[in-house]
PDB file of N, CA and C in Angstrom:
ATOM      1  N   MET A   1     -19.987 -51.754  28.155  1.00  0.00           N
ATOM      2  CA  MET A   1     -20.362 -51.781  26.757  1.00  0.00           C
ATOM      3  C   MET A   1     -19.137 -51.548  25.871  1.00  0.00           C
ATOM      4  N   LYS A   2     -18.213 -50.707  26.310  1.00  0.00           N
ATOM      5  CA  LYS A   2     -17.030 -50.454  25.504  1.00  0.00           C
ATOM      6  C   LYS A   2     -16.180 -51.706  25.359  1.00  0.00           C
ATOM      7  N   SER A   3     -16.187 -52.567  26.390  1.00  0.00           N
ATOM      8  CA  SER A   3     -15.408 -53.804  26.288  1.00  0.00           C
ATOM      9  C   SER A   3     -15.961 -54.708  25.199  1.00  0.00           C
ATOM     10  N   HIS A   4     -17.297 -54.712  25.022  1.00  0.00           N
ATOM     11  CA  HIS A   4     -17.898 -55.506  23.944  1.00  0.00           C
ATOM     12  C   HIS A   4     -17.450 -54.993  22.581  1.00  0.00           C
ATOM     13  N   LEU A   5     -17.303 -53.689  22.451  1.00  0.00           N
ATOM     14  CA  LEU A   5     -16.880 -53.117  21.177  1.00  0.00           C
ATOM     15  C   LEU A   5     -15.451 -53.508  20.843  1.00  0.00           C
ATOM     16  N   PHE A   6     -14.577 -53.509  21.850  1.00  0.00           N
ATOM     17  CA  PHE A   6     -13.199 -53.919  21.606  1.00  0.00           C
ATOM     18  C   PHE A   6     -13.125 -55.393  21.219  1.00  0.00           C
ATOM     19  N   ILE A   7     -13.955 -56.233  21.847  1.00  0.00           N
ATOM     20  CA  ILE A   7     -14.008 -57.652  21.480  1.00  0.00           C
ATOM     21  C   ILE A   7     -14.468 -57.791  20.039  1.00  0.00           C
ATOM     22  N   PHE A   8     -15.470 -56.999  19.643  1.00  0.00           N
ATOM     23  CA  PHE A   8     -15.982 -57.032  18.277  1.00  0.00           C
ATOM     24  C   PHE A   8     -14.897 -56.653  17.277  1.00  0.00           C
ATOM     25  N   VAL A   9     -14.146 -55.588  17.572  1.00  0.00           N
ATOM     26  CA  VAL A   9     -13.092 -55.136  16.666  1.00  0.00           C
ATOM     27  C   VAL A   9     -11.977 -56.166  16.576  1.00  0.00           C
ATOM     28  N   VAL A  10     -11.577 -56.747  17.709  1.00  0.00           N
ATOM     29  CA  VAL A  10     -10.526 -57.772  17.706  1.00  0.00           C
ATOM     30  C   VAL A  10     -10.965 -58.987  16.903  1.00  0.00           C
ATOM     31  N   THR A  11     -12.238 -59.374  17.017  1.00  0.00           N
ATOM     32  CA  THR A  11     -12.747 -60.512  16.249  1.00  0.00           C
ATOM     33  C   THR A  11     -12.659 -60.240  14.758  1.00  0.00           C
ATOM     34  N   VAL A  12     -13.037 -59.048  14.337  1.00  0.00           N
ATOM     35  CA  VAL A  12     -12.992 -58.705  12.915  1.00  0.00           C
ATOM     36  C   VAL A  12     -11.557 -58.667  12.412  1.00  0.00           C
ATOM     37  N   ILE A  13     -10.643 -58.124  13.216  1.00  0.00           N
ATOM     38  CA  ILE A  13      -9.240 -58.050  12.801  1.00  0.00           C
ATOM     39  C   ILE A  13      -8.653 -59.444  12.647  1.00  0.00           C
ATOM     40  N   THR A  14      -8.983 -60.364  13.545  1.00  0.00           N
ATOM     41  CA  THR A  14      -8.445 -61.719  13.435  1.00  0.00           C
ATOM     42  C   THR A  14      -9.024 -62.463  12.244  1.00  0.00           C
ATOM     43  N   LEU A  15     -10.228 -62.117  11.827  1.00  0.00           N
ATOM     44  CA  LEU A  15     -10.817 -62.770  10.655  1.00  0.00           C
ATOM     45  C   LEU A  15     -10.098 -62.389   9.368  1.00  0.00           C
ATOM     46  N   ARG A  16      -9.407 -61.258   9.364  1.00  0.00           N
ATOM     47  CA  ARG A  16      -8.665 -60.859   8.173  1.00  0.00           C
ATOM     48  C   ARG A  16      -7.456 -61.742   7.937  1.00  0.00           C
ATOM     49  N   GLY A  17      -6.950 -62.372   8.968  1.00  0.00           N
ATOM     50  CA  GLY A  17      -5.693 -63.105   8.883  1.00  0.00           C
ATOM     51  C   GLY A  17      -5.845 -64.507   8.333  1.00  0.00           C
ATOM     52  N   GLY A  18      -5.407 -65.503   9.090  1.00  0.00           N
ATOM     53  CA  GLY A  18      -5.323 -66.879   8.626  1.00  0.00           C
ATOM     54  C   GLY A  18      -6.649 -67.575   8.423  1.00  0.00           C
ATOM     55  N   SER A  19      -7.709 -67.082   9.039  1.00  0.00           N
ATOM     56  CA  SER A  19      -8.992 -67.761   8.902  1.00  0.00           C
ATOM     57  C   SER A  19      -9.718 -67.387   7.617  1.00  0.00           C
ATOM     58  N   GLU A  20      -9.073 -66.634   6.740  1.00  0.00           N
ATOM     59  CA  GLU A  20      -9.707 -66.244   5.472  1.00  0.00           C
ATOM     60  C   GLU A  20      -9.998 -67.463   4.604  1.00  0.00           C
ATOM     61  N   LYS A  21      -9.162 -68.495   4.675  1.00  0.00           N
ATOM     62  CA  LYS A  21      -9.410 -69.718   3.904  1.00  0.00           C
ATOM     63  C   LYS A  21     -10.684 -70.409   4.360  1.00  0.00           C
ATOM     64  N   MET A  22     -10.965 -70.347   5.668  1.00  0.00           N
ATOM     65  CA  MET A  22     -12.205 -70.935   6.168  1.00  0.00           C
ATOM     66  C   MET A  22     -13.413 -70.185   5.641  1.00  0.00           C
ATOM     67  N   LEU A  23     -13.285 -68.866   5.496  1.00  0.00           N
ATOM     68  CA  LEU A  23     -14.404 -68.068   5.014  1.00  0.00           C
ATOM     69  C   LEU A  23     -14.731 -68.340   3.553  1.00  0.00           C
ATOM     70  N   LEU A  24     -13.755 -68.827   2.786  1.00  0.00           N
ATOM     71  CA  LEU A  24     -14.002 -69.129   1.378  1.00  0.00           C
ATOM     72  C   LEU A  24     -15.024 -70.236   1.202  1.00  0.00           C
ATOM     73  N   SER A  25     -15.143 -71.117   2.192  1.00  0.00           N
ATOM     74  CA  SER A  25     -16.113 -72.207   2.087  1.00  0.00           C
ATOM     75  C   SER A  25     -17.541 -71.732   2.324  1.00  0.00           C
ATOM     76  N   PHE A  26     -17.700 -70.562   2.948  1.00  0.00           N
ATOM     77  CA  PHE A  26     -19.033 -70.020   3.164  1.00  0.00           C
ATOM     78  C   PHE A  26     -19.515 -69.313   1.904  1.00  0.00           C
ATOM     79  N   MET A  27     -20.725 -68.837   1.951  1.00  0.00           N
ATOM     80  CA  MET A  27     -21.263 -68.054   0.848  1.00  0.00           C
ATOM     81  C   MET A  27     -20.501 -66.746   0.735  1.00  0.00           C
ATOM     82  N   TRP A  28     -20.739 -66.007  -0.334  1.00  0.00           N
ATOM     83  CA  TRP A  28     -20.031 -64.744  -0.561  1.00  0.00           C
ATOM     84  C   TRP A  28     -20.240 -63.811   0.622  1.00  0.00           C
ATOM     85  N   GLU A  29     -21.446 -63.700   1.086  1.00  0.00           N
ATOM     86  CA  GLU A  29     -21.742 -62.904   2.270  1.00  0.00           C
ATOM     87  C   GLU A  29     -22.644 -63.720   3.171  1.00  0.00           C
ATOM     88  N   SER A  30     -22.367 -63.715   4.445  1.00  0.00           N
ATOM     89  CA  SER A  30     -23.247 -64.375   5.398  1.00  0.00           C
ATOM     90  C   SER A  30     -23.337 -63.516   6.639  1.00  0.00           C
ATOM     91  N   VAL A  31     -24.489 -63.518   7.241  1.00  0.00           N
ATOM     92  CA  VAL A  31     -24.722 -62.708   8.424  1.00  0.00           C
ATOM     93  C   VAL A  31     -24.604 -63.601   9.638  1.00  0.00           C
ATOM     94  N   TRP A  32     -23.853 -63.169  10.633  1.00  0.00           N
ATOM     95  CA  TRP A  32     -23.652 -63.968  11.838  1.00  0.00           C
ATOM     96  C   TRP A  32     -23.615 -63.059  13.047  1.00  0.00           C
ATOM     97  N   PRO A  33     -24.057 -63.546  14.197  1.00  0.00           N
ATOM     98  CA  PRO A  33     -24.075 -62.703  15.396  1.00  0.00           C
ATOM     99  C   PRO A  33     -22.675 -62.484  15.948  1.00  0.00           C
ATOM    100  N   MET A  34     -22.382 -61.269  16.327  1.00  0.00           N
ATOM    101  CA  MET A  34     -21.070 -60.936  16.870  1.00  0.00           C
ATOM    102  C   MET A  34     -21.085 -60.962  18.392  1.00  0.00           C
ATOM    103  N   PHE A  35     -21.980 -60.267  19.014  1.00  0.00           N
ATOM    104  CA  PHE A  35     -22.138 -60.331  20.455  1.00  0.00           C
ATOM    105  C   PHE A  35     -23.568 -59.978  20.788  1.00  0.00           C
ATOM    106  N   SER A  36     -23.995 -60.341  21.987  1.00  0.00           N
ATOM    107  CA  SER A  36     -25.366 -60.057  22.384  1.00  0.00           C
ATOM    108  C   SER A  36     -25.380 -59.425  23.768  1.00  0.00           C
ATOM    109  N   SER A  37     -26.431 -58.712  24.032  1.00  0.00           N
ATOM    110  CA  SER A  37     -26.639 -58.076  25.317  1.00  0.00           C
ATOM    111  C   SER A  37     -28.083 -58.310  25.709  1.00  0.00           C
ATOM    112  N   LYS A  38     -28.460 -57.833  26.887  1.00  0.00           N
ATOM    113  CA  LYS A  38     -29.840 -58.012  27.319  1.00  0.00           C
ATOM    114  C   LYS A  38     -30.806 -57.230  26.441  1.00  0.00           C
ATOM    115  N   SER A  39     -30.345 -56.123  25.864  1.00  0.00           N
ATOM    116  CA  SER A  39     -31.256 -55.255  25.128  1.00  0.00           C
ATOM    117  C   SER A  39     -31.159 -55.369  23.616  1.00  0.00           C
ATOM    118  N   PHE A  40     -30.022 -55.835  23.103  1.00  0.00           N
ATOM    119  CA  PHE A  40     -29.911 -55.903  21.652  1.00  0.00           C
ATOM    120  C   PHE A  40     -28.886 -56.944  21.236  1.00  0.00           C
ATOM    121  N   ILE A  41     -28.950 -57.353  19.980  1.00  0.00           N
ATOM    122  CA  ILE A  41     -27.991 -58.278  19.380  1.00  0.00           C
ATOM    123  C   ILE A  41     -27.396 -57.586  18.165  1.00  0.00           C
ATOM    124  N   VAL A  42     -26.089 -57.611  18.060  1.00  0.00           N
ATOM    125  CA  VAL A  42     -25.406 -56.998  16.928  1.00  0.00           C
ATOM    126  C   VAL A  42     -24.950 -58.095  15.991  1.00  0.00           C
ATOM    127  N   SER A  43     -25.227 -57.939  14.729  1.00  0.00           N
ATOM    128  CA  SER A  43     -24.793 -58.903  13.726  1.00  0.00           C
ATOM    129  C   SER A  43     -23.824 -58.233  12.775  1.00  0.00           C
ATOM    130  N   GLY A  44     -22.949 -59.026  12.218  1.00  0.00           N
ATOM    131  CA  GLY A  44     -21.982 -58.504  11.264  1.00  0.00           C
ATOM    132  C   GLY A  44     -22.079 -59.229   9.948  1.00  0.00           C
ATOM    133  N   ILE A  45     -21.541 -58.633   8.933  1.00  0.00           N
ATOM    134  CA  ILE A  45     -21.525 -59.233   7.608  1.00  0.00           C
ATOM    135  C   ILE A  45     -20.085 -59.599   7.284  1.00  0.00           C
ATOM    136  N   ILE A  46     -19.867 -60.876   6.947  1.00  0.00           N
ATOM    137  CA  ILE A  46     -18.529 -61.357   6.627  1.00  0.00           C
ATOM    138  C   ILE A  46     -18.398 -61.434   5.116  1.00  0.00           C
ATOM    139  N   SER A  47     -17.283 -61.015   4.611  1.00  0.00           N
ATOM    140  CA  SER A  47     -16.993 -61.115   3.191  1.00  0.00           C
ATOM    141  C   SER A  47     -15.593 -61.662   3.017  1.00  0.00           C
ATOM    142  N   ARG A  48     -15.310 -62.208   1.859  1.00  0.00           N
ATOM    143  CA  ARG A  48     -13.982 -62.755   1.590  1.00  0.00           C
ATOM    144  C   ARG A  48     -12.907 -61.684   1.672  1.00  0.00           C
ATOM    145  N   SER A  49     -13.222 -60.504   1.221  1.00  0.00           N
ATOM    146  CA  SER A  49     -12.215 -59.451   1.139  1.00  0.00           C
ATOM    147  C   SER A  49     -12.538 -58.300   2.082  1.00  0.00           C
ATOM    148  N   LEU A  50     -12.733 -58.632   3.335  1.00  0.00           N
ATOM    149  CA  LEU A  50     -13.038 -57.619   4.336  1.00  0.00           C
ATOM    150  C   LEU A  50     -11.832 -56.717   4.541  1.00  0.00           C
ATOM    151  N   ILE A  51     -12.031 -55.428   4.390  1.00  0.00           N
ATOM    152  CA  ILE A  51     -10.911 -54.497   4.471  1.00  0.00           C
ATOM    153  C   ILE A  51     -11.024 -53.583   5.684  1.00  0.00           C
ATOM    154  N   HIS A  52     -12.173 -53.007   5.875  1.00  0.00           N
ATOM    155  CA  HIS A  52     -12.281 -51.911   6.828  1.00  0.00           C
ATOM    156  C   HIS A  52     -13.611 -51.996   7.554  1.00  0.00           C
ATOM    157  N   LEU A  53     -13.625 -51.583   8.785  1.00  0.00           N
ATOM    158  CA  LEU A  53     -14.841 -51.597   9.589  1.00  0.00           C
ATOM    159  C   LEU A  53     -14.959 -50.254  10.293  1.00  0.00           C
ATOM    160  N   GLU A  54     -16.115 -49.674  10.225  1.00  0.00           N
ATOM    161  CA  GLU A  54     -16.313 -48.341  10.787  1.00  0.00           C
ATOM    162  C   GLU A  54     -17.529 -48.354  11.695  1.00  0.00           C
ATOM    163  N   PHE A  55     -17.391 -47.787  12.867  1.00  0.00           N
ATOM    164  CA  PHE A  55     -18.495 -47.707  13.818  1.00  0.00           C
ATOM    165  C   PHE A  55     -18.892 -46.252  14.031  1.00  0.00           C
ATOM    166  N   ILE A  56     -20.172 -46.017  14.068  1.00  0.00           N
ATOM    167  CA  ILE A  56     -20.673 -44.704  14.432  1.00  0.00           C
ATOM    168  C   ILE A  56     -21.767 -44.916  15.472  1.00  0.00           C
ATOM    169  N   PHE A  57     -21.584 -44.358  16.652  1.00  0.00           N
ATOM    170  CA  PHE A  57     -22.547 -44.519  17.732  1.00  0.00           C
ATOM    171  C   PHE A  57     -23.176 -43.168  18.061  1.00  0.00           C
ATOM    172  N   VAL A  58     -24.477 -43.184  18.209  1.00  0.00           N
ATOM    173  CA  VAL A  58     -25.197 -41.992  18.622  1.00  0.00           C
ATOM    174  C   VAL A  58     -26.079 -42.393  19.788  1.00  0.00           C
ATOM    175  N   ALA A  59     -25.914 -41.730  20.901  1.00  0.00           N
ATOM    176  CA  ALA A  59     -26.733 -42.035  22.074  1.00  0.00           C
ATOM    177  C   ALA A  59     -27.599 -40.829  22.397  1.00  0.00           C
ATOM    178  N   GLY A  60     -28.812 -41.066  22.835  1.00  0.00           N
ATOM    179  CA  GLY A  60     -29.697 -39.968  23.164  1.00  0.00           C
ATOM    180  C   GLY A  60     -30.806 -40.406  24.089  1.00  0.00           C
ATOM    181  N   VAL A  61     -31.656 -39.466  24.444  1.00  0.00           N
ATOM    182  CA  VAL A  61     -32.783 -39.737  25.329  1.00  0.00           C
ATOM    183  C   VAL A  61     -34.059 -39.350  24.594  1.00  0.00           C
ATOM    184  N   ARG A  62     -35.050 -40.237  24.630  1.00  0.00           N
ATOM    185  CA  ARG A  62     -36.334 -39.985  23.972  1.00  0.00           C
ATOM    186  C   ARG A  62     -37.442 -40.445  24.911  1.00  0.00           C
ATOM    187  N   GLU A  63     -38.246 -39.540  25.389  1.00  0.00           N
ATOM    188  CA  GLU A  63     -39.350 -39.803  26.306  1.00  0.00           C
ATOM    189  C   GLU A  63     -38.874 -40.603  27.521  1.00  0.00           C
ATOM    190  N   CYS A  64     -37.822 -40.143  28.157  1.00  0.00           N
ATOM    191  CA  CYS A  64     -37.237 -40.767  29.353  1.00  0.00           C
ATOM    192  C   CYS A  64     -36.740 -42.181  29.099  1.00  0.00           C
ATOM    193  N   SER A  65     -36.476 -42.531  27.869  1.00  0.00           N
ATOM    194  CA  SER A  65     -35.928 -43.846  27.544  1.00  0.00           C
ATOM    195  C   SER A  65     -34.626 -43.661  26.784  1.00  0.00           C
ATOM    196  N   ASN A  66     -33.632 -44.417  27.164  1.00  0.00           N
ATOM    197  CA  ASN A  66     -32.352 -44.340  26.461  1.00  0.00           C
ATOM    198  C   ASN A  66     -32.427 -45.165  25.188  1.00  0.00           C
ATOM    199  N   PHE A  67     -31.819 -44.667  24.159  1.00  0.00           N
ATOM    200  CA  PHE A  67     -31.699 -45.461  22.945  1.00  0.00           C
ATOM    201  C   PHE A  67     -30.299 -45.306  22.388  1.00  0.00           C
ATOM    202  N   ILE A  68     -29.833 -46.327  21.745  1.00  0.00           N
ATOM    203  CA  ILE A  68     -28.503 -46.325  21.147  1.00  0.00           C
ATOM    204  C   ILE A  68     -28.656 -46.680  19.683  1.00  0.00           C
ATOM    205  N   LEU A  69     -28.092 -45.864  18.854  1.00  0.00           N
ATOM    206  CA  LEU A  69     -28.116 -46.105  17.415  1.00  0.00           C
ATOM    207  C   LEU A  69     -26.754 -46.636  17.008  1.00  0.00           C
ATOM    208  N   LEU A  70     -26.756 -47.833  16.482  1.00  0.00           N
ATOM    209  CA  LEU A  70     -25.506 -48.450  16.057  1.00  0.00           C
ATOM    210  C   LEU A  70     -25.516 -48.568  14.549  1.00  0.00           C
ATOM    211  N   ARG A  71     -24.563 -47.938  13.934  1.00  0.00           N
ATOM    212  CA  ARG A  71     -24.464 -47.998  12.478  1.00  0.00           C
ATOM    213  C   ARG A  71     -23.119 -48.604  12.136  1.00  0.00           C
ATOM    214  N   VAL A  72     -23.156 -49.738  11.483  1.00  0.00           N
ATOM    215  CA  VAL A  72     -21.931 -50.423  11.108  1.00  0.00           C
ATOM    216  C   VAL A  72     -21.790 -50.314   9.602  1.00  0.00           C
ATOM    217  N   ALA A  73     -20.711 -49.730   9.181  1.00  0.00           N
ATOM    218  CA  ALA A  73     -20.442 -49.629   7.753  1.00  0.00           C
ATOM    219  C   ALA A  73     -19.233 -50.500   7.445  1.00  0.00           C
ATOM    220  N   ILE A  74     -19.418 -51.491   6.621  1.00  0.00           N
ATOM    221  CA  ILE A  74     -18.339 -52.402   6.255  1.00  0.00           C
ATOM    222  C   ILE A  74     -17.974 -52.139   4.804  1.00  0.00           C
ATOM    223  N   LEU A  75     -16.728 -51.760   4.604  1.00  0.00           N
ATOM    224  CA  LEU A  75     -16.250 -51.487   3.251  1.00  0.00           C
ATOM    225  C   LEU A  75     -15.437 -52.683   2.774  1.00  0.00           C
ATOM    226  N   PHE A  76     -15.696 -53.135   1.588  1.00  0.00           N
ATOM    227  CA  PHE A  76     -14.911 -54.239   1.053  1.00  0.00           C
ATOM    228  C   PHE A  76     -14.779 -54.108  -0.459  1.00  0.00           C
ATOM    229  N   SER A  77     -13.770 -54.702  -1.016  1.00  0.00           N
ATOM    230  CA  SER A  77     -13.577 -54.704  -2.462  1.00  0.00           C
ATOM    231  C   SER A  77     -13.448 -56.128  -2.936  1.00  0.00           C
ATOM    232  N   GLN A  78     -13.559 -56.346  -4.241  1.00  0.00           N
ATOM    233  CA  GLN A  78     -13.505 -57.696  -4.776  1.00  0.00           C
ATOM    234  C   GLN A  78     -12.079 -58.152  -5.024  1.00  0.00           C
ATOM    235  N   HIS A  79     -11.216 -57.309  -5.474  1.00  0.00           N
ATOM    236  CA  HIS A  79      -9.866 -57.752  -5.811  1.00  0.00           C
ATOM    237  C   HIS A  79      -8.791 -57.012  -5.029  1.00  0.00           C
ATOM    238  N   HIS A  80      -8.739 -55.714  -5.137  1.00  0.00           N
ATOM    239  CA  HIS A  80      -7.705 -54.926  -4.485  1.00  0.00           C
ATOM    240  C   HIS A  80      -8.325 -53.713  -3.820  1.00  0.00           C
ATOM    241  N   LEU A  81      -7.548 -53.054  -2.991  1.00  0.00           N
ATOM    242  CA  LEU A  81      -8.045 -51.878  -2.292  1.00  0.00           C
ATOM    243  C   LEU A  81      -8.402 -50.762  -3.254  1.00  0.00           C
ATOM    244  N   LEU A  82      -7.682 -50.629  -4.346  1.00  0.00           N
ATOM    245  CA  LEU A  82      -7.932 -49.545  -5.288  1.00  0.00           C
ATOM    246  C   LEU A  82      -9.010 -49.859  -6.310  1.00  0.00           C
ATOM    247  N   ASN A  83      -9.451 -51.106  -6.365  1.00  0.00           N
ATOM    248  CA  ASN A  83     -10.559 -51.446  -7.255  1.00  0.00           C
ATOM    249  C   ASN A  83     -11.840 -50.863  -6.692  1.00  0.00           C
ATOM    250  N   ARG A  84     -12.907 -51.072  -7.395  1.00  0.00           N
ATOM    251  CA  ARG A  84     -14.184 -50.513  -6.973  1.00  0.00           C
ATOM    252  C   ARG A  84     -14.570 -50.998  -5.583  1.00  0.00           C
ATOM    253  N   LEU A  85     -15.008 -50.078  -4.763  1.00  0.00           N
ATOM    254  CA  LEU A  85     -15.388 -50.370  -3.389  1.00  0.00           C
ATOM    255  C   LEU A  85     -16.904 -50.447  -3.300  1.00  0.00           C
ATOM    256  N   SER A  86     -17.369 -51.367  -2.507  1.00  0.00           N
ATOM    257  CA  SER A  86     -18.796 -51.504  -2.256  1.00  0.00           C
ATOM    258  C   SER A  86     -19.048 -51.232  -0.779  1.00  0.00           C
ATOM    259  N   PHE A  87     -20.182 -50.679  -0.496  1.00  0.00           N
ATOM    260  CA  PHE A  87     -20.525 -50.330   0.876  1.00  0.00           C
ATOM    261  C   PHE A  87     -21.760 -51.109   1.309  1.00  0.00           C
ATOM    262  N   ILE A  88     -21.701 -51.639   2.508  1.00  0.00           N
ATOM    263  CA  ILE A  88     -22.848 -52.317   3.112  1.00  0.00           C
ATOM    264  C   ILE A  88     -23.122 -51.612   4.429  1.00  0.00           C
ATOM    265  N   HIS A  89     -24.318 -51.159   4.598  1.00  0.00           N
ATOM    266  CA  HIS A  89     -24.674 -50.444   5.821  1.00  0.00           C
ATOM    267  C   HIS A  89     -25.693 -51.274   6.590  1.00  0.00           C
ATOM    268  N   CYS A  90     -25.428 -51.448   7.850  1.00  0.00           N
ATOM    269  CA  CYS A  90     -26.341 -52.169   8.731  1.00  0.00           C
ATOM    270  C   CYS A  90     -26.778 -51.209   9.825  1.00  0.00           C
ATOM    271  N   LEU A  91     -28.037 -51.202  10.110  1.00  0.00           N
ATOM    272  CA  LEU A  91     -28.570 -50.309  11.122  1.00  0.00           C
ATOM    273  C   LEU A  91     -29.283 -51.141  12.169  1.00  0.00           C
ATOM    274  N   PHE A  92     -28.877 -51.010  13.408  1.00  0.00           N
ATOM    275  CA  PHE A  92     -29.453 -51.793  14.495  1.00  0.00           C
ATOM    276  C   PHE A  92     -29.987 -50.841  15.555  1.00  0.00           C
ATOM    277  N   LEU A  93     -31.239 -50.993  15.910  1.00  0.00           N
ATOM    278  CA  LEU A  93     -31.848 -50.204  16.965  1.00  0.00           C
ATOM    279  C   LEU A  93     -32.351 -51.136  18.058  1.00  0.00           C
ATOM    280  N   PRO A  94     -31.911 -50.953  19.289  1.00  0.00           N
ATOM    281  CA  PRO A  94     -32.427 -51.780  20.379  1.00  0.00           C
ATOM    282  C   PRO A  94     -33.845 -51.348  20.726  1.00  0.00           C
ATOM    283  N   PRO A  95     -34.623 -52.222  21.316  1.00  0.00           N
ATOM    284  CA  PRO A  95     -35.989 -51.848  21.691  1.00  0.00           C
ATOM    285  C   PRO A  95     -35.973 -50.799  22.796  1.00  0.00           C
ATOM    286  N   LEU A  96     -36.878 -49.842  22.702  1.00  0.00           N
ATOM    287  CA  LEU A  96     -36.999 -48.814  23.735  1.00  0.00           C
ATOM    288  C   LEU A  96     -37.804 -49.370  24.894  1.00  0.00           C
ATOM    289  N   SER A  97     -37.263 -49.250  26.096  1.00  0.00           N
ATOM    290  CA  SER A  97     -37.997 -49.774  27.251  1.00  0.00           C
ATOM    291  C   SER A  97     -38.133 -48.738  28.337  1.00  0.00           C
TER     292      SER A  97
END
Protein backbone atom coordinates (compact mmCIF):
# COMPACT_ATOMS: atom_id res chain seq x y z
CA MET A 1 0.00 0.00 0.00
CA LYS A 2 2.87 2.39 0.71
CA SER A 3 4.14 1.91 -2.84
CA HIS A 4 0.78 3.15 -4.16
CA LEU A 5 1.14 6.29 -2.05
CA PHE A 6 4.59 7.03 -3.45
CA ILE A 7 3.23 6.58 -7.00
CA PHE A 8 0.41 8.99 -6.14
CA VAL A 9 2.83 11.62 -4.80
CA VAL A 10 5.17 11.27 -7.80
CA THR A 11 2.20 11.68 -10.16
CA VAL A 12 1.12 14.88 -8.43
CA ILE A 13 4.66 16.28 -8.42
CA THR A 14 5.06 15.65 -12.15
CA LEU A 15 1.76 17.40 -12.86
CA ARG A 16 3.20 20.60 -11.41
CA GLY A 17 5.87 20.73 -14.10
CA GLY A 18 5.56 20.78 -17.89
CA SER A 19 2.11 19.24 -18.13
CA GLU A 20 0.51 22.35 -16.61
CA LYS A 21 -0.26 23.64 -20.12
CA MET A 22 -2.28 20.49 -20.79
CA LEU A 23 -4.28 21.09 -17.63
CA LEU A 24 -5.30 24.55 -18.83
CA SER A 25 -7.48 22.94 -21.49
CA PHE A 26 -9.50 21.14 -18.82
CA MET A 27 -12.06 22.74 -16.56
CA TRP A 28 -10.90 24.74 -13.55
CA GLU A 29 -11.25 21.67 -11.37
CA SER A 30 -11.81 18.11 -12.48
CA VAL A 31 -11.90 14.91 -10.51
CA TRP A 32 -9.94 11.95 -11.85
CA PRO A 33 -8.94 8.57 -10.43
CA MET A 34 -5.38 8.32 -9.16
CA PHE A 35 -5.07 4.64 -8.29
CA SER A 36 -7.37 1.79 -7.42
CA SER A 37 -7.26 -1.23 -5.18
CA LYS A 38 -9.55 -4.16 -4.53
CA SER A 39 -11.19 -2.35 -1.63
CA PHE A 40 -11.22 1.31 -2.58
CA ILE A 41 -10.56 3.89 -5.31
CA VAL A 42 -8.80 7.15 -4.55
CA SER A 43 -9.60 10.21 -6.61
CA GLY A 44 -7.76 13.49 -6.76
CA ILE A 45 -8.69 17.02 -7.65
CA ILE A 46 -6.56 18.75 -10.27
CA SER A 47 -6.26 22.51 -10.39
CA ARG A 48 -4.25 24.88 -12.55
CA SER A 49 -2.27 26.15 -9.61
CA LEU A 50 -1.67 23.03 -7.58
CA ILE A 51 0.82 23.86 -4.86
CA HIS A 52 0.73 21.40 -2.02
CA LEU A 53 -0.66 17.98 -1.20
CA GLU A 54 -1.14 16.64 2.29
CA PHE A 55 -2.04 13.12 3.36
CA ILE A 56 -3.40 12.07 6.70
CA PHE A 57 -4.00 8.36 7.29
CA VAL A 58 -5.78 6.85 10.25
CA ALA A 59 -6.04 3.10 10.55
CA GLY A 60 -8.12 1.26 13.12
CA VAL A 61 -10.21 -1.77 13.92
CA ARG A 62 -14.01 -1.69 14.24
CA GLU A 63 -15.99 -4.86 14.99
CA CYS A 64 -13.14 -7.11 13.77
CA SER A 65 -13.00 -5.23 10.47
CA ASN A 66 -10.12 -3.07 9.35
CA PHE A 67 -10.87 0.36 8.04
CA ILE A 68 -8.65 3.04 6.60
CA LEU A 69 -9.52 6.69 6.66
CA LEU A 70 -7.91 8.64 3.87
CA ARG A 71 -8.08 12.38 4.04
CA VAL A 72 -6.56 14.31 1.19
CA ALA A 73 -6.19 18.02 1.63
CA ILE A 74 -5.16 19.90 -1.49
CA LEU A 75 -4.10 23.49 -1.02
CA PHE A 76 -4.02 25.77 -4.02
CA SER A 77 -4.04 29.48 -4.79
CA GLN A 78 -5.21 31.44 -7.82
CA HIS A 79 -2.18 33.60 -8.51
CA HIS A 80 0.70 33.30 -6.06
CA LEU A 81 1.58 31.38 -2.94
CA LEU A 82 1.02 34.42 -0.74
CA ASN A 83 -2.37 35.25 -2.22
CA ARG A 84 -5.50 33.86 -0.68
CA LEU A 85 -5.39 30.11 -0.24
CA SER A 86 -8.34 27.83 -0.75
CA PHE A 87 -8.71 24.40 0.78
CA ILE A 88 -10.40 21.37 -0.73
CA HIS A 89 -10.90 18.38 1.49
CA CYS A 90 -11.72 14.95 0.15
CA LEU A 91 -12.70 12.12 2.42
CA PHE A 92 -12.60 8.53 1.20
CA LEU A 93 -13.75 5.55 3.23
CA PRO A 94 -13.37 2.02 1.87
CA PRO A 95 -16.24 -0.40 2.44
CA LEU A 96 -16.03 -2.41 5.65
CA SER A 97 -15.91 -6.12 4.97
